[in-house]
């Protein structure tokens, strides 16, 4: 008897629409976390249940409500009796202020230097890139300590330090893209028609490097928040007493043996925001890069 031919297995392929929907669904959780951070920072005064700087020694080191505490202080209190929930909300505001100034400012400075260096080249380009090398070699922590010792801890100094620290990432990557783009046919055609260098950079180069700039900005959000927290932790960031996640960690480490919540809760907030920034940066890179858009 002849053996019956077995049917070949049918391979199910996911459609591009399904892949895109799955990617958008994977962004829902990070997107929700970003919305929560924005709401917490913008409406901290309305959402906070206590004055973040009010000291109540009679209520010091009360545990969170899920660890035997009360709803009066849902996330407990620190060593001075200040409400941790309210301080977390105002700490998110400090992080948002730093991100809103540093990330766009560094993007503008670094992208402009990168485009000019890549387009002009020669001696000018080499000088600009040596400035980038000097910035990379500059010990940022020692620079922060020096500024704090001269001008005192302040949010302004934190912003200046982070601007000096972060713009070089944009300059290097944008310059690499411009070195490739300036040899393309559409740039050569613009040169042949008599277009100036600034017009070509504005009309052709900037739109083509915009994806790179946006991706770096997304990834830099988490880096800037962590850097601000690190500077505050070292005592060279925001002034003492200011509700900042880094300042909360450095104050909470003094009592971490007897109370875990003053240091773990702001540390957990930093961890979640850092992971969210990296996930959103990876997602944005995949969406803006046509070579990765439909890769399963």
Protein backbone atom coordinates (compact mmCIF):
# COMPACT_ATOMS: atom_id res chain seq x y z
CA UNK A 1 0.00 0.00 0.00
CA UNK A 2 1.34 3.38 -0.94
CA UNK A 3 2.12 5.59 1.99
CA UNK A 4 0.08 8.71 2.14
CA UNK A 5 2.10 11.83 1.68
CA UNK A 6 2.18 13.92 4.77
CA UNK A 7 1.20 17.52 4.41
CA UNK A 8 4.00 19.97 4.91
CA UNK A 9 3.64 22.07 8.05
CA UNK A 10 2.25 25.53 7.46
CA UNK A 11 4.48 28.28 8.73
CA UNK A 12 2.55 31.18 10.17
CA UNK A 13 4.16 34.53 9.54
CA UNK A 14 3.33 37.62 11.50
CA UNK A 15 2.17 40.53 9.40
CA UNK A 16 3.92 43.90 9.59
CA UNK A 17 0.79 45.31 11.17
CA UNK A 18 0.92 42.68 13.90
CA UNK A 19 4.59 43.39 14.57
CA UNK A 20 3.90 47.10 14.85
CA UNK A 21 0.94 46.53 17.18
CA UNK A 22 3.09 44.28 19.40
CA UNK A 23 5.78 46.97 19.57
CA UNK A 24 3.27 49.65 20.51
CA UNK A 25 1.81 47.34 23.15
CA UNK A 26 5.29 46.82 24.59
CA UNK A 27 5.61 50.60 24.93
CA UNK A 28 2.44 50.91 27.02
CA UNK A 29 4.07 50.23 30.40
CA UNK A 30 7.10 52.55 29.89
CA UNK A 31 4.76 55.19 28.47
CA UNK A 32 2.50 54.93 31.52
CA UNK A 33 5.52 55.34 33.82
CA UNK A 34 6.60 58.47 31.93
CA UNK A 35 3.07 59.91 32.26
CA UNK A 36 3.11 59.19 36.01
CA UNK A 37 6.48 60.96 36.33
CA UNK A 38 5.22 64.00 34.42
CA UNK A 39 2.02 64.21 36.46
CA UNK A 40 3.95 63.76 39.73
CA UNK A 41 6.45 66.48 38.88
CA UNK A 42 4.02 69.02 37.44
CA UNK A 43 1.26 68.59 40.02
CA UNK A 44 3.45 67.81 43.06
CA UNK A 45 1.90 70.64 45.09
CA UNK A 46 -1.61 69.26 44.52
CA UNK A 47 -0.78 65.58 44.96
CA UNK A 48 1.46 65.92 48.03
CA UNK A 49 -0.26 65.24 51.35
CA UNK A 50 2.31 67.11 53.45
CA UNK A 51 4.86 69.88 53.17
CA UNK A 52 7.97 68.02 51.93
CA UNK A 53 10.22 70.13 54.18
CA UNK A 54 8.08 70.00 57.33
CA UNK A 55 10.01 68.40 60.21
CA UNK A 56 8.09 66.38 62.79
CA UNK A 57 10.47 64.57 65.13
CA UNK A 58 7.59 62.86 66.89
CA UNK A 59 6.75 61.05 63.62
CA UNK A 60 10.29 60.14 62.60
CA UNK A 61 11.00 56.81 60.87
CA UNK A 62 7.39 55.68 60.62
CA UNK A 63 7.18 52.65 58.27
CA UNK A 64 5.12 52.58 55.07
CA UNK A 65 1.51 51.51 55.24
CA UNK A 66 2.33 48.10 53.73
CA UNK A 67 4.90 47.50 56.46
CA UNK A 68 2.75 48.33 59.46
CA UNK A 69 2.45 52.09 59.04
CA UNK A 70 -0.60 54.31 58.74
CA UNK A 71 -2.27 56.12 55.86
CA UNK A 72 -1.24 59.45 57.39
CA UNK A 73 2.19 58.80 55.86
CA UNK A 74 1.53 56.09 53.21
CA UNK A 75 5.23 55.66 52.34
CA UNK A 76 6.53 56.40 55.82
CA UNK A 77 8.74 59.19 57.11
CA UNK A 78 12.47 59.83 57.16
CA UNK A 79 14.83 60.45 60.09
CA UNK A 80 13.43 63.99 60.55
CA UNK A 81 9.79 62.98 60.30
CA UNK A 82 9.31 64.36 56.78
CA UNK A 83 6.76 62.61 54.59
CA UNK A 84 8.56 60.42 52.03
CA UNK A 85 5.62 60.32 49.60
CA UNK A 86 5.54 64.12 49.35
CA UNK A 87 9.32 64.31 49.03
CA UNK A 88 9.28 61.74 46.20
CA UNK A 89 6.77 63.88 44.30
CA UNK A 90 8.85 67.05 44.69
CA UNK A 91 12.00 65.09 43.87
CA UNK A 92 10.37 64.14 40.56
CA UNK A 93 9.87 67.86 39.91
CA UNK A 94 13.60 68.54 40.40
CA UNK A 95 14.42 65.73 37.96
CA UNK A 96 11.98 67.11 35.38
CA UNK A 97 13.45 70.62 35.63
CA UNK A 98 16.97 69.29 35.10
CA UNK A 99 15.90 67.10 32.16
CA UNK A 100 13.83 69.87 30.53
CA UNK A 101 16.86 72.20 30.47
CA UNK A 102 19.85 69.90 30.12
CA UNK A 103 18.66 67.48 27.43
CA UNK A 104 17.50 70.07 24.84
CA UNK A 105 20.41 72.38 25.69
CA UNK A 106 23.01 69.65 25.27
CA UNK A 107 21.32 68.50 22.04
CA UNK A 108 21.50 72.00 20.54
CA UNK A 109 25.12 72.62 21.55
CA UNK A 110 26.42 69.17 20.61
CA UNK A 111 24.47 68.89 17.35
CA UNK A 112 25.60 72.33 16.17
CA UNK A 113 29.26 71.57 16.92
CA UNK A 114 28.98 68.14 15.30
CA UNK A 115 27.41 69.48 12.10
CA UNK A 116 29.88 72.33 11.75
CA UNK A 117 32.82 70.04 12.43
CA UNK A 118 31.63 67.40 9.96
CA UNK A 119 30.67 69.84 7.22
CA UNK A 120 33.61 72.24 7.32
CA UNK A 121 36.28 69.70 8.27
CA UNK A 122 39.91 70.73 7.97
CA UNK A 123 41.53 72.75 10.72
CA UNK A 124 38.23 74.05 12.12
CA UNK A 125 36.77 70.57 12.35
CA UNK A 126 39.88 69.25 14.07
CA UNK A 127 39.83 72.09 16.62
CA UNK A 128 36.18 71.44 17.44
CA UNK A 129 36.79 67.72 17.89
CA UNK A 130 39.78 68.41 20.15
CA UNK A 131 37.38 70.44 22.31
CA UNK A 132 35.17 67.36 22.44
CA UNK A 133 38.17 65.25 23.47
CA UNK A 134 39.02 67.71 26.23
CA UNK A 135 35.45 67.57 27.48
CA UNK A 136 35.54 63.77 27.55
CA UNK A 137 38.82 63.83 29.45
CA UNK A 138 37.46 66.33 31.98
CA UNK A 139 36.74 64.56 35.31
CA UNK A 140 33.12 65.56 35.77
CA UNK A 141 32.90 64.66 39.45
CA UNK A 142 35.98 66.73 40.34
CA UNK A 143 34.60 69.57 38.21
CA UNK A 144 31.33 69.36 40.15
CA UNK A 145 33.13 69.43 43.50
CA UNK A 146 35.17 72.45 42.35
CA UNK A 147 32.07 74.37 41.27
CA UNK A 148 30.25 73.52 44.49
CA UNK A 149 33.20 74.71 46.58
CA UNK A 150 33.36 78.00 44.66
CA UNK A 151 29.66 78.79 44.11
CA UNK A 152 27.96 76.48 46.62
CA UNK A 153 25.50 73.66 45.92
CA UNK A 154 22.59 74.82 43.75
CA UNK A 155 20.30 73.56 41.03
CA UNK A 156 21.88 76.05 38.61
CA UNK A 157 25.30 74.51 39.12
CA UNK A 158 23.89 71.02 38.56
CA UNK A 159 22.42 72.13 35.24
CA UNK A 160 25.70 73.75 34.12
CA UNK A 161 27.72 70.67 35.08
CA UNK A 162 25.40 68.31 33.22
CA UNK A 163 25.37 70.55 30.14
CA UNK A 164 29.16 70.50 30.03
CA UNK A 165 29.14 66.75 30.62
CA UNK A 166 26.54 65.54 28.08
CA UNK A 167 26.84 67.60 24.88
CA UNK A 168 29.82 65.68 23.52
CA UNK A 169 27.74 62.53 22.86
CA UNK A 170 25.67 64.47 20.31
CA UNK A 171 28.73 66.07 18.70
CA UNK A 172 30.52 62.79 17.97
CA UNK A 173 27.54 60.93 16.48
CA UNK A 174 26.21 63.88 14.49
CA UNK A 175 29.67 64.53 13.04
CA UNK A 176 29.91 60.90 11.93
CA UNK A 177 26.55 61.15 10.15
CA UNK A 178 27.45 64.45 8.49
CA UNK A 179 30.75 63.07 7.18
CA UNK A 180 28.72 60.43 5.35
CA UNK A 181 25.91 62.71 4.22
CA UNK A 182 28.11 65.40 2.69
CA UNK A 183 29.23 62.97 -0.01
CA UNK A 184 25.67 62.11 -1.08
CA UNK A 185 24.33 63.10 -4.49
CA UNK A 186 21.64 65.46 -3.18
CA UNK A 187 24.26 67.47 -1.28
CA UNK A 188 26.50 67.59 -4.35
CA UNK A 189 23.55 68.81 -6.40
CA UNK A 190 22.82 71.56 -3.89
CA UNK A 191 26.43 72.66 -4.02
CA UNK A 192 26.27 72.77 -7.82
CA UNK A 193 23.27 75.12 -7.68
CA UNK A 194 25.22 77.56 -5.50
CA UNK A 195 23.61 76.78 -2.13
CA UNK A 196 25.52 78.01 0.89
CA UNK A 197 26.86 75.70 3.57
CA UNK A 198 24.43 76.96 6.20
CA UNK A 199 21.47 76.42 3.85
CA UNK A 200 22.60 72.86 3.12
CA UNK A 201 23.05 72.12 6.82
CA UNK A 202 19.59 73.48 7.62
CA UNK A 203 17.70 71.96 4.69
CA UNK A 204 19.51 68.67 4.10
CA UNK A 205 21.82 67.67 6.93
CA UNK A 206 19.66 68.54 9.94
CA UNK A 207 16.58 66.59 8.75
CA UNK A 208 18.76 63.55 8.05
CA UNK A 209 20.45 63.58 11.47
CA UNK A 210 17.25 64.42 13.38
CA UNK A 211 16.54 60.73 14.08
CA UNK A 212 19.96 60.29 15.65
CA UNK A 213 19.50 63.40 17.80
CA UNK A 214 16.05 62.32 19.01
CA UNK A 215 17.29 58.83 19.94
CA UNK A 216 20.23 60.24 21.90
CA UNK A 217 17.91 62.66 23.70
CA UNK A 218 15.67 59.80 24.76
CA UNK A 219 18.58 57.76 26.09
CA UNK A 220 20.10 60.81 27.81
CA UNK A 221 16.99 61.36 29.93
CA UNK A 222 17.82 58.44 32.22
CA UNK A 223 21.51 59.38 32.27
CA UNK A 224 20.74 62.97 33.29
CA UNK A 225 18.36 61.91 36.06
CA UNK A 226 20.93 59.47 37.45
CA UNK A 227 23.70 62.08 37.19
CA UNK A 228 21.64 64.66 39.08
CA UNK A 229 20.92 62.09 41.77
CA UNK A 230 24.62 61.16 41.96
CA UNK A 231 25.69 64.79 42.36
CA UNK A 232 23.07 65.35 45.06
CA UNK A 233 24.19 62.14 46.75
CA UNK A 234 27.77 63.48 46.89
CA UNK A 235 26.55 66.75 48.35
CA UNK A 236 27.45 68.89 45.32
CA UNK A 237 24.00 68.97 43.77
CA UNK A 238 20.89 70.68 45.08
CA UNK A 239 21.17 72.46 48.44
CA UNK A 240 20.67 70.45 51.66
CA UNK A 241 17.03 70.05 52.60
CA UNK A 242 15.81 70.16 48.99
CA UNK A 243 13.55 67.25 48.07
CA UNK A 244 15.72 65.38 45.55
CA UNK A 245 15.95 61.63 45.05
CA UNK A 246 19.72 61.67 45.33
CA UNK A 247 19.60 63.85 48.45
CA UNK A 248 17.00 61.49 49.96
CA UNK A 249 19.32 58.52 49.39
CA UNK A 250 22.33 60.21 50.98
CA UNK A 251 20.22 61.20 54.00
CA UNK A 252 18.60 57.77 54.26
CA UNK A 253 21.88 55.85 54.32
CA UNK A 254 22.50 57.13 57.85
CA UNK A 255 19.54 55.12 59.16
CA UNK A 256 19.45 52.27 56.65
CA UNK A 257 20.30 49.70 59.33
CA UNK A 258 17.13 50.41 61.30
CA UNK A 259 14.86 51.69 58.49
CA UNK A 260 14.99 50.52 54.89
CA UNK A 261 12.34 52.79 53.32
CA UNK A 262 14.18 56.19 53.35
CA UNK A 263 16.84 54.81 51.01
CA UNK A 264 15.05 52.03 49.13
CA UNK A 265 12.01 54.00 47.94
CA UNK A 266 13.92 56.81 46.15
CA UNK A 267 16.42 54.22 44.90
CA UNK A 268 13.55 52.18 43.44
CA UNK A 269 12.17 55.31 41.75
CA UNK A 270 15.57 55.95 40.14
CA UNK A 271 15.81 52.32 38.99
CA UNK A 272 12.36 52.37 37.39
CA UNK A 273 12.97 55.67 35.58
CA UNK A 274 16.37 54.52 34.33
CA UNK A 275 14.99 51.28 32.91
CA UNK A 276 12.06 53.17 31.36
CA UNK A 277 14.37 55.63 29.61
CA UNK A 278 16.50 52.84 28.16
CA UNK A 279 13.46 50.86 26.97
CA UNK A 280 11.93 53.91 25.29
CA UNK A 281 15.26 54.78 23.67
CA UNK A 282 15.57 51.27 22.20
CA UNK A 283 11.97 51.38 20.98
CA UNK A 284 12.43 54.78 19.37
CA UNK A 285 15.62 53.61 17.65
CA UNK A 286 13.77 50.63 16.16
CA UNK A 287 10.87 52.81 15.00
CA UNK A 288 13.00 55.51 13.39
CA UNK A 289 15.45 53.12 11.72
CA UNK A 290 13.76 51.69 8.58
CA UNK A 291 16.15 48.72 8.63
CA UNK A 292 14.81 47.61 12.03
CA UNK A 293 11.19 48.62 11.63
CA UNK A 294 9.83 45.22 10.53
CA UNK A 295 12.43 42.96 12.08
CA UNK A 296 10.81 40.33 14.22
